[in-house]
Amino acid sequence: MKAQILVNERIAQGNNAFAELRVVLVPVVVRGSAHTFKYSLSLVVESVCILRFDNEAGKGDHYHLEGVEFPYRFTTMPVLLNDFWKQVDKWRQS
């Protein structure tokens, strides 16, 4: 199986911000993760990434919020996307 891009989009979040979502189904488990999704979900505000959920090879699933890294327990892709958008909503309300 070849890698398959499932999501690759940029969504405006007002005049000075956007969410960038990239999810790829890969043929083998990503080192450090227990699944075959490679992903990066980011919120960029005024050219600064303030939120990013990703799974770098070797680091596994985690997220960054305003420069601080936190572990993330991946369960399913729908849950991951929901968790990302919840954090985006928190940013909108602040």
PDB file of N, CA and C in Angstrom:
ATOM      1  N   MET A   1       0.844  -1.186   0.000  1.00  0.00           N
ATOM      2  CA  MET A   1       0.000   0.000   0.000  1.00  0.00           C
ATOM      3  C   MET A   1       0.885   1.243   0.000  1.00  0.00           C
ATOM      4  N   LYS A   2       0.535   2.208  -0.803  1.00  0.00           N
ATOM      5  CA  LYS A   2       1.226   3.489  -0.809  1.00  0.00           C
ATOM      6  C   LYS A   2       0.544   4.421   0.183  1.00  0.00           C
ATOM      7  N   ALA A   3       1.269   5.433   0.632  1.00  0.00           N
ATOM      8  CA  ALA A   3       0.679   6.440   1.522  1.00  0.00           C
ATOM      9  C   ALA A   3      -0.487   7.109   0.798  1.00  0.00           C
ATOM     10  N   GLN A   4      -1.535   7.400   1.542  1.00  0.00           N
ATOM     11  CA  GLN A   4      -2.733   8.001   0.968  1.00  0.00           C
ATOM     12  C   GLN A   4      -3.089   9.256   1.766  1.00  0.00           C
ATOM     13  N   ILE A   5      -3.124  10.400   1.093  1.00  0.00           N
ATOM     14  CA  ILE A   5      -3.502  11.650   1.750  1.00  0.00           C
ATOM     15  C   ILE A   5      -5.006  11.621   1.994  1.00  0.00           C
ATOM     16  N   LEU A   6      -5.407  11.745   3.263  1.00  0.00           N
ATOM     17  CA  LEU A   6      -6.822  11.747   3.625  1.00  0.00           C
ATOM     18  C   LEU A   6      -7.362  13.166   3.795  1.00  0.00           C
ATOM     19  N   VAL A   7      -6.540  14.047   4.347  1.00  0.00           N
ATOM     20  CA  VAL A   7      -6.937  15.445   4.562  1.00  0.00           C
ATOM     21  C   VAL A   7      -5.729  16.309   4.258  1.00  0.00           C
ATOM     22  N   ASN A   8      -5.957  17.386   3.508  1.00  0.00           N
ATOM     23  CA  ASN A   8      -4.903  18.356   3.224  1.00  0.00           C
ATOM     24  C   ASN A   8      -5.591  19.677   2.907  1.00  0.00           C
ATOM     25  N   GLU A   9      -5.832  20.470   3.960  1.00  0.00           N
ATOM     26  CA  GLU A   9      -6.565  21.707   3.731  1.00  0.00           C
ATOM     27  C   GLU A   9      -6.159  22.801   4.695  1.00  0.00           C
ATOM     28  N   ARG A  10      -6.407  24.020   4.277  1.00  0.00           N
ATOM     29  CA  ARG A  10      -6.188  25.209   5.094  1.00  0.00           C
ATOM     30  C   ARG A  10      -7.537  25.910   5.212  1.00  0.00           C
ATOM     31  N   ILE A  11      -7.923  26.217   6.460  1.00  0.00           N
ATOM     32  CA  ILE A  11      -9.236  26.806   6.724  1.00  0.00           C
ATOM     33  C   ILE A  11      -9.049  28.124   7.464  1.00  0.00           C
ATOM     34  N   ALA A  12      -9.523  29.208   6.872  1.00  0.00           N
ATOM     35  CA  ALA A  12      -9.398  30.526   7.504  1.00  0.00           C
ATOM     36  C   ALA A  12     -10.120  30.543   8.846  1.00  0.00           C
ATOM     37  N   GLN A  13      -9.492  31.221   9.815  1.00  0.00           N
ATOM     38  CA  GLN A  13     -10.061  31.374  11.151  1.00  0.00           C
ATOM     39  C   GLN A  13     -10.076  32.859  11.509  1.00  0.00           C
ATOM     40  N   GLY A  14     -10.655  33.638  10.646  1.00  0.00           N
ATOM     41  CA  GLY A  14     -10.644  35.091  10.821  1.00  0.00           C
ATOM     42  C   GLY A  14      -9.619  35.706   9.884  1.00  0.00           C
ATOM     43  N   ASN A  15      -9.379  36.990  10.064  1.00  0.00           N
ATOM     44  CA  ASN A  15      -8.485  37.727   9.159  1.00  0.00           C
ATOM     45  C   ASN A  15      -7.016  37.383   9.341  1.00  0.00           C
ATOM     46  N   ASN A  16      -6.624  37.000  10.535  1.00  0.00           N
ATOM     47  CA  ASN A  16      -5.201  36.831  10.804  1.00  0.00           C
ATOM     48  C   ASN A  16      -4.818  35.411  11.233  1.00  0.00           C
ATOM     49  N   ALA A  17      -5.684  34.435  10.983  1.00  0.00           N
ATOM     50  CA  ALA A  17      -5.417  33.081  11.457  1.00  0.00           C
ATOM     51  C   ALA A  17      -5.963  32.042  10.482  1.00  0.00           C
ATOM     52  N   PHE A  18      -5.374  30.847  10.562  1.00  0.00           N
ATOM     53  CA  PHE A  18      -5.883  29.726   9.770  1.00  0.00           C
ATOM     54  C   PHE A  18      -5.555  28.420  10.485  1.00  0.00           C
ATOM     55  N   ALA A  19      -6.349  27.413  10.192  1.00  0.00           N
ATOM     56  CA  ALA A  19      -6.074  26.049  10.636  1.00  0.00           C
ATOM     57  C   ALA A  19      -5.562  25.293   9.421  1.00  0.00           C
ATOM     58  N   GLU A  20      -4.499  24.541   9.621  1.00  0.00           N
ATOM     59  CA  GLU A  20      -3.951  23.724   8.539  1.00  0.00           C
ATOM     60  C   GLU A  20      -3.991  22.279   8.998  1.00  0.00           C
ATOM     61  N   LEU A  21      -4.651  21.438   8.218  1.00  0.00           N
ATOM     62  CA  LEU A  21      -4.851  20.033   8.583  1.00  0.00           C
ATOM     63  C   LEU A  21      -4.256  19.142   7.512  1.00  0.00           C
ATOM     64  N   ARG A  22      -3.410  18.225   7.956  1.00  0.00           N
ATOM     65  CA  ARG A  22      -2.838  17.243   7.036  1.00  0.00           C
ATOM     66  C   ARG A  22      -2.843  15.893   7.737  1.00  0.00           C
ATOM     67  N   VAL A  23      -3.505  14.924   7.108  1.00  0.00           N
ATOM     68  CA  VAL A  23      -3.578  13.554   7.634  1.00  0.00           C
ATOM     69  C   VAL A  23      -3.258  12.609   6.487  1.00  0.00           C
ATOM     70  N   VAL A  24      -2.325  11.720   6.732  1.00  0.00           N
ATOM     71  CA  VAL A  24      -1.911  10.743   5.722  1.00  0.00           C
ATOM     72  C   VAL A  24      -2.015   9.351   6.326  1.00  0.00           C
ATOM     73  N   LEU A  25      -2.618   8.443   5.609  1.00  0.00           N
ATOM     74  CA  LEU A  25      -2.644   7.031   5.984  1.00  0.00           C
ATOM     75  C   LEU A  25      -1.376   6.415   5.398  1.00  0.00           C
ATOM     76  N   VAL A  26      -0.523   5.882   6.265  1.00  0.00           N
ATOM     77  CA  VAL A  26       0.756   5.346   5.820  1.00  0.00           C
ATOM     78  C   VAL A  26       0.746   3.819   5.917  1.00  0.00           C
ATOM     79  N   PRO A  27       1.621   3.148   5.166  1.00  0.00           N
ATOM     80  CA  PRO A  27       1.574   1.684   5.109  1.00  0.00           C
ATOM     81  C   PRO A  27       2.065   0.977   6.373  1.00  0.00           C
ATOM     82  N   VAL A  28       2.831   1.657   7.209  1.00  0.00           N
ATOM     83  CA  VAL A  28       3.338   1.032   8.438  1.00  0.00           C
ATOM     84  C   VAL A  28       3.093   1.971   9.612  1.00  0.00           C
ATOM     85  N   VAL A  29       3.062   1.420  10.802  1.00  0.00           N
ATOM     86  CA  VAL A  29       2.860   2.216  12.013  1.00  0.00           C
ATOM     87  C   VAL A  29       3.966   3.258  12.126  1.00  0.00           C
ATOM     88  N   VAL A  30       3.580   4.481  12.459  1.00  0.00           N
ATOM     89  CA  VAL A  30       4.542   5.561  12.653  1.00  0.00           C
ATOM     90  C   VAL A  30       5.314   5.277  13.941  1.00  0.00           C
ATOM     91  N   ARG A  31       6.650   5.299  13.877  1.00  0.00           N
ATOM     92  CA  ARG A  31       7.480   5.004  15.040  1.00  0.00           C
ATOM     93  C   ARG A  31       7.100   5.928  16.199  1.00  0.00           C
ATOM     94  N   GLY A  32       6.789   5.342  17.347  1.00  0.00           N
ATOM     95  CA  GLY A  32       6.366   6.103  18.513  1.00  0.00           C
ATOM     96  C   GLY A  32       4.858   6.158  18.681  1.00  0.00           C
ATOM     97  N   SER A  33       4.121   5.752  17.661  1.00  0.00           N
ATOM     98  CA  SER A  33       2.656   5.720  17.694  1.00  0.00           C
ATOM     99  C   SER A  33       2.189   4.278  17.539  1.00  0.00           C
ATOM    100  N   ALA A  34       0.900   4.057  17.759  1.00  0.00           N
ATOM    101  CA  ALA A  34       0.353   2.698  17.641  1.00  0.00           C
ATOM    102  C   ALA A  34      -0.681   2.620  16.524  1.00  0.00           C
ATOM    103  N   HIS A  35      -0.526   3.456  15.500  1.00  0.00           N
ATOM    104  CA  HIS A  35      -1.498   3.516  14.413  1.00  0.00           C
ATOM    105  C   HIS A  35      -0.788   3.904  13.124  1.00  0.00           C
ATOM    106  N   THR A  36      -1.517   3.852  12.020  1.00  0.00           N
ATOM    107  CA  THR A  36      -0.916   4.130  10.707  1.00  0.00           C
ATOM    108  C   THR A  36      -1.363   5.473  10.129  1.00  0.00           C
ATOM    109  N   PHE A  37      -1.570   6.456  11.002  1.00  0.00           N
ATOM    110  CA  PHE A  37      -1.861   7.823  10.555  1.00  0.00           C
ATOM    111  C   PHE A  37      -0.650   8.695  10.855  1.00  0.00           C
ATOM    112  N   LYS A  38      -0.243   9.493   9.898  1.00  0.00           N
ATOM    113  CA  LYS A  38       0.752  10.537  10.103  1.00  0.00           C
ATOM    114  C   LYS A  38      -0.028  11.838   9.986  1.00  0.00           C
ATOM    115  N   TYR A  39       0.045  12.697  11.013  1.00  0.00           N
ATOM    116  CA  TYR A  39      -0.810  13.875  10.991  1.00  0.00           C
ATOM    117  C   TYR A  39      -0.119  15.107  11.564  1.00  0.00           C
ATOM    118  N   SER A  40      -0.611  16.249  11.138  1.00  0.00           N
ATOM    119  CA  SER A  40      -0.229  17.538  11.685  1.00  0.00           C
ATOM    120  C   SER A  40      -1.451  18.441  11.550  1.00  0.00           C
ATOM    121  N   LEU A  41      -1.971  18.866  12.691  1.00  0.00           N
ATOM    122  CA  LEU A  41      -3.136  19.755  12.726  1.00  0.00           C
ATOM    123  C   LEU A  41      -2.686  21.012  13.445  1.00  0.00           C
ATOM    124  N   SER A  42      -2.686  22.146  12.758  1.00  0.00           N
ATOM    125  CA  SER A  42      -2.103  23.362  13.311  1.00  0.00           C
ATOM    126  C   SER A  42      -3.067  24.529  13.279  1.00  0.00           C
ATOM    127  N   LEU A  43      -2.919  25.407  14.259  1.00  0.00           N
ATOM    128  CA  LEU A  43      -3.597  26.695  14.268  1.00  0.00           C
ATOM    129  C   LEU A  43      -2.510  27.753  14.260  1.00  0.00           C
ATOM    130  N   VAL A  44      -2.519  28.580  13.211  1.00  0.00           N
ATOM    131  CA  VAL A  44      -1.508  29.621  13.033  1.00  0.00           C
ATOM    132  C   VAL A  44      -2.200  30.971  13.133  1.00  0.00           C
ATOM    133  N   VAL A  45      -1.675  31.838  14.011  1.00  0.00           N
ATOM    134  CA  VAL A  45      -2.238  33.167  14.234  1.00  0.00           C
ATOM    135  C   VAL A  45      -1.122  34.193  14.031  1.00  0.00           C
ATOM    136  N   GLU A  46      -1.356  35.121  13.132  1.00  0.00           N
ATOM    137  CA  GLU A  46      -0.369  36.155  12.805  1.00  0.00           C
ATOM    138  C   GLU A  46       1.003  35.539  12.553  1.00  0.00           C
ATOM    139  N   SER A  47       1.020  34.497  11.735  1.00  0.00           N
ATOM    140  CA  SER A  47       2.220  33.783  11.294  1.00  0.00           C
ATOM    141  C   SER A  47       2.927  32.988  12.395  1.00  0.00           C
ATOM    142  N   VAL A  48       2.282  32.798  13.550  1.00  0.00           N
ATOM    143  CA  VAL A  48       2.862  32.023  14.643  1.00  0.00           C
ATOM    144  C   VAL A  48       1.978  30.809  14.920  1.00  0.00           C
ATOM    145  N   CYS A  49       2.588  29.640  14.952  1.00  0.00           N
ATOM    146  CA  CYS A  49       1.836  28.415  15.269  1.00  0.00           C
ATOM    147  C   CYS A  49       1.605  28.384  16.781  1.00  0.00           C
ATOM    148  N   ILE A  50       0.338  28.522  17.182  1.00  0.00           N
ATOM    149  CA  ILE A  50       0.037  28.529  18.614  1.00  0.00           C
ATOM    150  C   ILE A  50      -0.490  27.180  19.102  1.00  0.00           C
ATOM    151  N   LEU A  51      -0.921  26.334  18.166  1.00  0.00           N
ATOM    152  CA  LEU A  51      -1.440  25.017  18.521  1.00  0.00           C
ATOM    153  C   LEU A  51      -1.082  24.037  17.412  1.00  0.00           C
ATOM    154  N   ARG A  52      -0.568  22.865  17.804  1.00  0.00           N
ATOM    155  CA  ARG A  52      -0.298  21.831  16.793  1.00  0.00           C
ATOM    156  C   ARG A  52      -0.405  20.459  17.443  1.00  0.00           C
ATOM    157  N   PHE A  53      -1.226  19.603  16.876  1.00  0.00           N
ATOM    158  CA  PHE A  53      -1.286  18.187  17.224  1.00  0.00           C
ATOM    159  C   PHE A  53      -0.497  17.460  16.133  1.00  0.00           C
ATOM    160  N   ASP A  54       0.455  16.621  16.527  1.00  0.00           N
ATOM    161  CA  ASP A  54       1.207  15.878  15.518  1.00  0.00           C
ATOM    162  C   ASP A  54       1.816  14.628  16.127  1.00  0.00           C
ATOM    163  N   ASN A  55       2.429  13.827  15.261  1.00  0.00           N
ATOM    164  CA  ASN A  55       3.092  12.604  15.713  1.00  0.00           C
ATOM    165  C   ASN A  55       4.388  12.415  14.940  1.00  0.00           C
ATOM    166  N   GLU A  56       5.394  13.145  15.356  1.00  0.00           N
ATOM    167  CA  GLU A  56       6.712  13.009  14.759  1.00  0.00           C
ATOM    168  C   GLU A  56       7.217  11.588  14.979  1.00  0.00           C
ATOM    169  N   ALA A  57       7.920  11.070  13.993  1.00  0.00           N
ATOM    170  CA  ALA A  57       8.509   9.740  14.138  1.00  0.00           C
ATOM    171  C   ALA A  57       9.433   9.736  15.346  1.00  0.00           C
ATOM    172  N   GLY A  58       9.241   8.769  16.222  1.00  0.00           N
ATOM    173  CA  GLY A  58      10.058   8.655  17.416  1.00  0.00           C
ATOM    174  C   GLY A  58       9.476   9.357  18.625  1.00  0.00           C
ATOM    175  N   LYS A  59       8.729  10.451  18.416  1.00  0.00           N
ATOM    176  CA  LYS A  59       8.123  11.178  19.530  1.00  0.00           C
ATOM    177  C   LYS A  59       6.722  10.676  19.828  1.00  0.00           C
ATOM    178  N   GLY A  60       6.061  10.170  18.836  1.00  0.00           N
ATOM    179  CA  GLY A  60       4.694   9.695  19.027  1.00  0.00           C
ATOM    180  C   GLY A  60       3.690  10.830  19.073  1.00  0.00           C
ATOM    181  N   ASP A  61       2.504  10.517  19.523  1.00  0.00           N
ATOM    182  CA  ASP A  61       1.389  11.465  19.536  1.00  0.00           C
ATOM    183  C   ASP A  61       1.584  12.489  20.659  1.00  0.00           C
ATOM    184  N   HIS A  62       1.415  13.758  20.309  1.00  0.00           N
ATOM    185  CA  HIS A  62       1.545  14.835  21.278  1.00  0.00           C
ATOM    186  C   HIS A  62       0.950  16.106  20.683  1.00  0.00           C
ATOM    187  N   TYR A  63       0.875  17.151  21.497  1.00  0.00           N
ATOM    188  CA  TYR A  63       0.452  18.434  20.963  1.00  0.00           C
ATOM    189  C   TYR A  63       1.249  19.556  21.614  1.00  0.00           C
ATOM    190  N   HIS A  64       1.298  20.668  20.911  1.00  0.00           N
ATOM    191  CA  HIS A  64       2.001  21.858  21.361  1.00  0.00           C
ATOM    192  C   HIS A  64       0.951  22.949  21.538  1.00  0.00           C
ATOM    193  N   LEU A  65       1.016  23.650  22.648  1.00  0.00           N
ATOM    194  CA  LEU A  65       0.112  24.768  22.888  1.00  0.00           C
ATOM    195  C   LEU A  65       0.942  25.934  23.391  1.00  0.00           C
ATOM    196  N   GLU A  66       1.019  26.975  22.565  1.00  0.00           N
ATOM    197  CA  GLU A  66       1.771  28.186  22.897  1.00  0.00           C
ATOM    198  C   GLU A  66       3.180  27.855  23.385  1.00  0.00           C
ATOM    199  N   GLY A  67       3.849  26.976  22.643  1.00  0.00           N
ATOM    200  CA  GLY A  67       5.243  26.674  22.915  1.00  0.00           C
ATOM    201  C   GLY A  67       5.512  25.568  23.922  1.00  0.00           C
ATOM    202  N   VAL A  68       4.480  25.017  24.536  1.00  0.00           N
ATOM    203  CA  VAL A  68       4.650  23.941  25.515  1.00  0.00           C
ATOM    204  C   VAL A  68       4.135  22.639  24.901  1.00  0.00           C
ATOM    205  N   GLU A  69       4.916  21.567  25.057  1.00  0.00           N
ATOM    206  CA  GLU A  69       4.536  20.268  24.503  1.00  0.00           C
ATOM    207  C   GLU A  69       3.867  19.404  25.566  1.00  0.00           C
ATOM    208  N   PHE A  70       2.774  18.729  25.164  1.00  0.00           N
ATOM    209  CA  PHE A  70       2.010  17.853  26.054  1.00  0.00           C
ATOM    210  C   PHE A  70       1.814  16.499  25.381  1.00  0.00           C
ATOM    211  N   PRO A  71       1.776  15.412  26.158  1.00  0.00           N
ATOM    212  CA  PRO A  71       1.458  14.106  25.559  1.00  0.00           C
ATOM    213  C   PRO A  71      -0.003  14.085  25.113  1.00  0.00           C
ATOM    214  N   TYR A  72      -0.286  13.264  24.121  1.00  0.00           N
ATOM    215  CA  TYR A  72      -1.658  13.102  23.635  1.00  0.00           C
ATOM    216  C   TYR A  72      -1.911  11.611  23.446  1.00  0.00           C
ATOM    217  N   ARG A  73      -3.047  11.147  23.918  1.00  0.00           N
ATOM    218  CA  ARG A  73      -3.420   9.740  23.752  1.00  0.00           C
ATOM    219  C   ARG A  73      -4.356   9.614  22.547  1.00  0.00           C
ATOM    220  N   PHE A  74      -3.811   9.163  21.440  1.00  0.00           N
ATOM    221  CA  PHE A  74      -4.593   8.966  20.220  1.00  0.00           C
ATOM    222  C   PHE A  74      -5.490   7.747  20.390  1.00  0.00           C
ATOM    223  N   THR A  75      -6.784   7.908  20.036  1.00  0.00           N
ATOM    224  CA  THR A  75      -7.700   6.763  20.025  1.00  0.00           C
ATOM    225  C   THR A  75      -8.221   6.510  18.618  1.00  0.00           C
ATOM    226  N   THR A  76      -8.844   7.529  18.027  1.00  0.00           N
ATOM    227  CA  THR A  76      -9.350   7.432  16.646  1.00  0.00           C
ATOM    228  C   THR A  76      -9.156   8.773  15.961  1.00  0.00           C
ATOM    229  N   MET A  77      -9.188   8.759  14.643  1.00  0.00           N
ATOM    230  CA  MET A  77      -9.050  10.005  13.901  1.00  0.00           C
ATOM    231  C   MET A  77     -10.204  10.972  14.185  1.00  0.00           C
ATOM    232  N   PRO A  78     -11.469  10.521  14.241  1.00  0.00           N
ATOM    233  CA  PRO A  78     -12.546  11.464  14.576  1.00  0.00           C
ATOM    234  C   PRO A  78     -12.355  12.121  15.947  1.00  0.00           C
ATOM    235  N   VAL A  79     -11.879  11.366  16.934  1.00  0.00           N
ATOM    236  CA  VAL A  79     -11.638  11.945  18.259  1.00  0.00           C
ATOM    237  C   VAL A  79     -10.505  12.973  18.187  1.00  0.00           C
ATOM    238  N   LEU A  80      -9.440  12.655  17.473  1.00  0.00           N
ATOM    239  CA  LEU A  80      -8.335  13.598  17.304  1.00  0.00           C
ATOM    240  C   LEU A  80      -8.822  14.908  16.682  1.00  0.00           C
ATOM    241  N   LEU A  81      -9.566  14.807  15.596  1.00  0.00           N
ATOM    242  CA  LEU A  81     -10.074  16.016  14.937  1.00  0.00           C
ATOM    243  C   LEU A  81     -10.982  16.809  15.874  1.00  0.00           C
ATOM    244  N   ASN A  82     -11.814  16.131  16.623  1.00  0.00           N
ATOM    245  CA  ASN A  82     -12.685  16.795  17.585  1.00  0.00           C
ATOM    246  C   ASN A  82     -11.866  17.504  18.673  1.00  0.00           C
ATOM    247  N   ASP A  83     -10.837  16.834  19.188  1.00  0.00           N
ATOM    248  CA  ASP A  83      -9.989  17.444  20.212  1.00  0.00           C
ATOM    249  C   ASP A  83      -9.282  18.686  19.676  1.00  0.00           C
ATOM    250  N   PHE A  84      -8.818  18.621  18.438  1.00  0.00           N
ATOM    251  CA  PHE A  84      -8.180  19.784  17.820  1.00  0.00           C
ATOM    252  C   PHE A  84      -9.158  20.954  17.730  1.00  0.00           C
ATOM    253  N   TRP A  85     -10.350  20.703  17.194  1.00  0.00           N
ATOM    254  CA  TRP A  85     -11.315  21.797  17.023  1.00  0.00           C
ATOM    255  C   TRP A  85     -11.806  22.342  18.366  1.00  0.00           C
ATOM    256  N   LYS A  86     -11.837  21.517  19.410  1.00  0.00           N
ATOM    257  CA  LYS A  86     -12.168  22.017  20.751  1.00  0.00           C
ATOM    258  C   LYS A  86     -11.129  23.039  21.203  1.00  0.00           C
ATOM    259  N   GLN A  87      -9.857  22.744  20.954  1.00  0.00           N
ATOM    260  CA  GLN A  87      -8.791  23.686  21.321  1.00  0.00           C
ATOM    261  C   GLN A  87      -8.879  24.963  20.485  1.00  0.00           C
ATOM    262  N   VAL A  88      -9.224  24.832  19.215  1.00  0.00           N
ATOM    263  CA  VAL A  88      -9.404  26.020  18.370  1.00  0.00           C
ATOM    264  C   VAL A  88     -10.554  26.870  18.918  1.00  0.00           C
ATOM    265  N   ASP A  89     -11.645  26.231  19.309  1.00  0.00           N
ATOM    266  CA  ASP A  89     -12.780  26.961  19.886  1.00  0.00           C
ATOM    267  C   ASP A  89     -12.376  27.689  21.167  1.00  0.00           C
ATOM    268  N   LYS A  90     -11.552  27.063  22.013  1.00  0.00           N
ATOM    269  CA  LYS A  90     -11.060  27.733  23.217  1.00  0.00           C
ATOM    270  C   LYS A  90     -10.275  28.987  22.850  1.00  0.00           C
ATOM    271  N   TRP A  91      -9.449  28.899  21.814  1.00  0.00           N
ATOM    272  CA  TRP A  91      -8.681  30.055  21.365  1.00  0.00           C
ATOM    273  C   TRP A  91      -9.622  31.168  20.911  1.00  0.00           C
ATOM    274  N   ARG A  92     -10.649  30.810  20.144  1.00  0.00           N
ATOM    275  CA  ARG A  92     -11.607  31.810  19.659  1.00  0.00           C
ATOM    276  C   ARG A  92     -12.282  32.540  20.805  1.00  0.00           C
ATOM    277  N   GLN A  93     -12.550  31.845  21.892  1.00  0.00           N
ATOM    278  CA  GLN A  93     -13.262  32.426  23.044  1.00  0.00           C
ATOM    279  C   GLN A  93     -12.353  33.259  23.935  1.00  0.00           C
ATOM    280  N   SER A  94     -11.053  33.130  23.759  1.00  0.00           N
ATOM    281  CA  SER A  94     -10.140  33.882  24.646  1.00  0.00           C
ATOM    282  C   SER A  94      -9.889  35.296  24.151  1.00  0.00           C
TER     283      SER A  94
END
